[in-house]
């Protein structure tokens, strides 16, 4: 930061006063909580996080000093605004993989094609030849066309894949979609405010806390708890 942009001691003092006020508002909101998902508590929490972060930054820039507390990240769910008794659900899943053993991937795909030559993607020029070759697009198309996503996840090592992060959202909806309505953009309308419950898996949880000794799964429940 340049000398011209350096904050003054007055700005730091103002930031700490704002932090104190945010602490008071947060405690007041907690004491007046109307329910488990009181939006006033959520708003006060966010205001406190912002005030703490601003103070932390100004303190460091001005005095080269840090606070003894960690500024919370914005990884919590926003207040739920969906129907109280949802009758329509959408399940959104993302799983990341790295192709670590291409030869294993090609071999497993070829086994599928040996049993069913039509399993080769129609867009592939080798259609009808009964050969996967070393085309990774073809191999992935064959395997993900043959096996359900859960089976891919449970057998990923057999297919030469390494698991990365994954997340599953269960969201509420007012009405079911019309057939084919959202297929062109299936995740476009994913709304965090409609999440009923969410399940995250990442190795980062092992690095951040010893609480994940039994596995890397992190569950973020919505207003209806864990399903």
Protein backbone atom coordinates (compact mmCIF):
# COMPACT_ATOMS: atom_id res chain seq x y z
CA UNK A 1 0.00 0.00 0.00
CA UNK A 2 1.39 3.45 -0.90
CA UNK A 3 1.98 6.19 1.69
CA UNK A 4 -0.88 8.19 0.18
CA UNK A 5 -3.27 5.33 0.76
CA UNK A 6 -2.15 4.53 4.31
CA UNK A 7 -5.08 4.65 6.76
CA UNK A 8 -4.78 6.96 9.72
CA UNK A 9 -4.92 6.11 13.40
CA UNK A 10 -8.28 7.88 13.48
CA UNK A 11 -9.65 5.42 10.91
CA UNK A 12 -8.40 2.50 12.97
CA UNK A 13 -10.07 3.92 16.08
CA UNK A 14 -13.32 4.39 14.15
CA UNK A 15 -13.11 0.80 12.90
CA UNK A 16 -12.69 -0.61 16.41
CA UNK A 17 -15.67 1.43 17.61
CA UNK A 18 -17.71 0.03 14.71
CA UNK A 19 -16.61 -3.46 15.71
CA UNK A 20 -17.70 -2.90 19.31
CA UNK A 21 -21.09 -1.68 18.11
CA UNK A 22 -21.43 -4.72 15.83
CA UNK A 23 -20.64 -7.00 18.77
CA UNK A 24 -23.39 -5.34 20.81
CA UNK A 25 -25.89 -5.67 17.95
CA UNK A 26 -25.00 -9.32 17.46
CA UNK A 27 -25.45 -10.14 21.15
CA UNK A 28 -28.73 -8.25 21.24
CA UNK A 29 -29.99 -10.18 18.19
CA UNK A 30 -28.97 -13.50 19.76
CA UNK A 31 -30.71 -12.65 23.02
CA UNK A 32 -33.87 -11.69 21.13
CA UNK A 33 -33.71 -14.69 18.77
CA UNK A 34 -37.19 -15.69 17.58
CA UNK A 35 -36.17 -19.11 16.26
CA UNK A 36 -33.33 -21.28 15.05
CA UNK A 37 -33.11 -19.45 11.71
CA UNK A 38 -33.84 -15.91 12.84
CA UNK A 39 -32.87 -13.59 9.93
CA UNK A 40 -31.94 -10.83 12.43
CA UNK A 41 -29.24 -13.05 13.92
CA UNK A 42 -27.96 -13.93 10.45
CA UNK A 43 -27.81 -10.25 9.46
CA UNK A 44 -26.05 -9.28 12.70
CA UNK A 45 -23.55 -12.10 12.18
CA UNK A 46 -22.70 -10.81 8.70
CA UNK A 47 -22.36 -7.23 9.96
CA UNK A 48 -20.04 -8.43 12.72
CA UNK A 49 -17.90 -10.37 10.24
CA UNK A 50 -17.58 -7.33 7.97
CA UNK A 51 -16.72 -4.97 10.86
CA UNK A 52 -14.12 -7.42 12.20
CA UNK A 53 -12.51 -7.83 8.81
CA UNK A 54 -12.32 -4.07 8.24
CA UNK A 55 -10.75 -3.51 11.64
CA UNK A 56 -8.27 -6.34 11.10
CA UNK A 57 -7.15 -4.89 7.76
CA UNK A 58 -6.80 -1.31 9.03
CA UNK A 59 -4.94 -2.46 12.14
CA UNK A 60 -2.44 -4.36 10.02
CA UNK A 61 -2.01 -1.60 7.43
CA UNK A 62 -1.50 1.08 10.08
CA UNK A 63 0.30 -0.68 12.92
CA UNK A 64 1.55 -3.91 11.30
CA UNK A 65 -0.43 -5.81 13.92
CA UNK A 66 -3.07 -8.54 13.72
CA UNK A 67 -6.07 -9.58 15.80
CA UNK A 68 -6.07 -12.86 17.79
CA UNK A 69 -9.23 -14.14 16.17
CA UNK A 70 -9.92 -15.59 12.74
CA UNK A 71 -12.30 -13.69 10.50
CA UNK A 72 -15.14 -16.10 9.57
CA UNK A 73 -15.58 -16.85 5.90
CA UNK A 74 -18.83 -16.48 4.03
CA UNK A 75 -19.46 -20.23 3.82
CA UNK A 76 -22.68 -20.42 5.79
CA UNK A 77 -26.06 -20.88 4.17
CA UNK A 78 -28.28 -17.83 3.72
CA UNK A 79 -31.71 -17.82 5.40
CA UNK A 80 -34.09 -20.37 3.90
CA UNK A 81 -36.96 -18.71 2.00
CA UNK A 82 -38.61 -21.77 0.45
CA UNK A 83 -41.92 -23.42 1.32
CA UNK A 84 -42.33 -24.63 4.91
CA UNK A 85 -43.55 -28.04 3.74
CA UNK A 86 -41.92 -28.63 0.35
CA UNK A 87 -43.55 -31.24 -1.84
CA UNK A 88 -41.12 -30.84 -4.78
CA UNK A 89 -37.38 -31.40 -4.46
CA UNK A 90 -34.34 -31.02 -6.70
CA UNK A 91 -31.08 -32.83 -5.94
CA UNK A 92 -28.02 -31.07 -7.38
CA UNK A 93 -24.73 -32.99 -7.39
CA UNK A 94 -21.22 -32.00 -8.37
CA UNK A 95 -18.26 -34.41 -8.12
CA UNK A 96 -14.77 -33.53 -9.35
CA UNK A 97 -12.29 -36.15 -10.58
CA UNK A 98 -8.74 -36.17 -11.90
CA UNK A 99 -7.77 -38.69 -14.57
CA UNK A 100 -4.68 -40.23 -12.94
CA UNK A 101 -4.41 -43.51 -14.91
CA UNK A 102 -5.57 -43.03 -18.51
CA UNK A 103 -4.66 -46.58 -19.52
CA UNK A 104 -6.93 -47.99 -16.81
CA UNK A 105 -9.68 -45.66 -18.00
CA UNK A 106 -9.30 -46.83 -21.62
CA UNK A 107 -9.16 -50.48 -20.56
CA UNK A 108 -12.37 -50.30 -18.53
CA UNK A 109 -14.17 -48.45 -21.31
CA UNK A 110 -13.02 -51.04 -23.85
CA UNK A 111 -14.47 -53.83 -21.69
CA UNK A 112 -17.86 -52.14 -21.87
CA UNK A 113 -17.60 -51.73 -25.66
CA UNK A 114 -16.52 -55.35 -26.10
CA UNK A 115 -19.85 -56.37 -24.59
CA UNK A 116 -21.86 -53.66 -26.34
CA UNK A 117 -20.24 -52.01 -29.41
CA UNK A 118 -23.10 -49.49 -29.51
CA UNK A 119 -21.84 -48.03 -26.22
CA UNK A 120 -19.34 -45.91 -28.17
CA UNK A 121 -20.62 -42.34 -28.36
CA UNK A 122 -22.49 -41.62 -31.61
CA UNK A 123 -20.31 -38.54 -32.16
CA UNK A 124 -17.11 -40.61 -32.23
CA UNK A 125 -15.66 -41.47 -35.68
CA UNK A 126 -14.87 -44.98 -34.46
CA UNK A 127 -18.56 -45.82 -34.08
CA UNK A 128 -19.15 -49.37 -35.17
CA UNK A 129 -15.46 -50.33 -34.99
CA UNK A 130 -15.74 -51.70 -31.45
CA UNK A 131 -12.62 -49.73 -30.43
CA UNK A 132 -12.22 -47.05 -27.80
CA UNK A 133 -8.58 -46.39 -28.63
CA UNK A 134 -6.85 -43.69 -26.63
CA UNK A 135 -9.51 -41.01 -26.95
CA UNK A 136 -10.30 -39.83 -23.43
CA UNK A 137 -13.58 -38.17 -24.47
CA UNK A 138 -14.82 -41.47 -25.88
CA UNK A 139 -13.70 -43.45 -22.83
CA UNK A 140 -15.42 -41.07 -20.42
CA UNK A 141 -18.57 -41.06 -22.55
CA UNK A 142 -18.68 -44.86 -22.50
CA UNK A 143 -18.13 -45.22 -18.75
CA UNK A 144 -20.47 -42.45 -17.64
CA UNK A 145 -23.06 -43.70 -20.10
CA UNK A 146 -22.83 -47.25 -18.74
CA UNK A 147 -22.59 -46.66 -14.98
CA UNK A 148 -24.65 -44.60 -12.56
CA UNK A 149 -22.81 -41.63 -10.97
CA UNK A 150 -22.86 -43.32 -7.55
CA UNK A 151 -21.20 -46.42 -8.98
CA UNK A 152 -18.53 -44.27 -10.64
CA UNK A 153 -17.93 -42.63 -7.26
CA UNK A 154 -17.62 -45.95 -5.42
CA UNK A 155 -15.38 -47.52 -8.10
CA UNK A 156 -13.43 -44.46 -9.25
CA UNK A 157 -10.03 -46.10 -8.63
CA UNK A 158 -10.96 -48.97 -10.96
CA UNK A 159 -11.58 -46.40 -13.68
CA UNK A 160 -8.26 -44.59 -13.20
CA UNK A 161 -9.87 -41.60 -11.50
CA UNK A 162 -9.02 -39.74 -8.31
CA UNK A 163 -11.77 -38.06 -6.31
CA UNK A 164 -11.73 -34.32 -5.70
CA UNK A 165 -14.28 -32.18 -3.89
CA UNK A 166 -17.96 -33.00 -4.11
CA UNK A 167 -21.20 -31.41 -2.98
CA UNK A 168 -24.85 -32.42 -2.92
CA UNK A 169 -27.67 -29.90 -2.51
CA UNK A 170 -31.25 -30.83 -1.72
CA UNK A 171 -33.37 -27.83 -2.69
CA UNK A 172 -37.08 -27.09 -2.47
CA UNK A 173 -39.38 -25.94 -5.26
CA UNK A 174 -42.93 -24.70 -5.42
CA UNK A 175 -43.94 -26.78 -8.45
CA UNK A 176 -42.36 -29.56 -10.51
CA UNK A 177 -40.72 -28.50 -13.75
CA UNK A 178 -42.22 -29.40 -17.10
CA UNK A 179 -40.56 -32.33 -18.92
CA UNK A 180 -37.40 -31.08 -20.63
CA UNK A 181 -37.91 -27.56 -19.25
CA UNK A 182 -34.49 -27.11 -17.59
CA UNK A 183 -32.33 -29.63 -19.45
CA UNK A 184 -30.50 -26.97 -21.48
CA UNK A 185 -29.30 -25.24 -18.27
CA UNK A 186 -29.83 -27.68 -15.38
CA UNK A 187 -27.94 -25.68 -12.73
CA UNK A 188 -28.87 -22.17 -13.79
CA UNK A 189 -31.61 -21.79 -11.20
CA UNK A 190 -29.71 -23.29 -8.25
CA UNK A 191 -30.69 -21.02 -5.35
CA UNK A 192 -28.80 -21.27 -2.01
CA UNK A 193 -31.84 -19.77 -0.28
CA UNK A 194 -33.87 -22.87 -1.20
CA UNK A 195 -31.42 -25.41 0.24
CA UNK A 196 -33.06 -27.84 2.65
CA UNK A 197 -29.80 -29.64 3.41
CA UNK A 198 -26.34 -29.83 1.90
CA UNK A 199 -23.53 -32.40 2.04
CA UNK A 200 -19.95 -31.41 1.23
CA UNK A 201 -16.88 -33.65 0.93
CA UNK A 202 -13.35 -32.22 0.71
CA UNK A 203 -9.89 -33.08 2.01
CA UNK A 204 -9.60 -29.46 3.12
CA UNK A 205 -11.75 -30.36 6.12
CA UNK A 206 -9.04 -32.78 7.28
CA UNK A 207 -6.48 -29.99 7.09
CA UNK A 208 -8.61 -27.47 8.96
CA UNK A 209 -9.84 -29.53 11.88
CA UNK A 210 -9.20 -32.76 13.75
CA UNK A 211 -12.97 -33.16 14.07
CA UNK A 212 -13.03 -34.97 10.72
CA UNK A 213 -11.01 -38.02 11.79
CA UNK A 214 -13.71 -40.44 10.61
CA UNK A 215 -13.88 -38.97 7.11
CA UNK A 216 -13.84 -35.76 5.08
CA UNK A 217 -17.59 -35.28 4.92
CA UNK A 218 -18.98 -31.95 6.07
CA UNK A 219 -22.74 -31.64 6.49
CA UNK A 220 -24.41 -28.23 6.31
CA UNK A 221 -28.02 -28.73 7.44
CA UNK A 222 -30.81 -26.51 6.24
CA UNK A 223 -33.94 -25.54 8.21
CA UNK A 224 -35.26 -29.10 8.09
CA UNK A 225 -32.06 -30.67 9.44
CA UNK A 226 -30.12 -33.54 8.00
CA UNK A 227 -32.14 -35.90 5.80
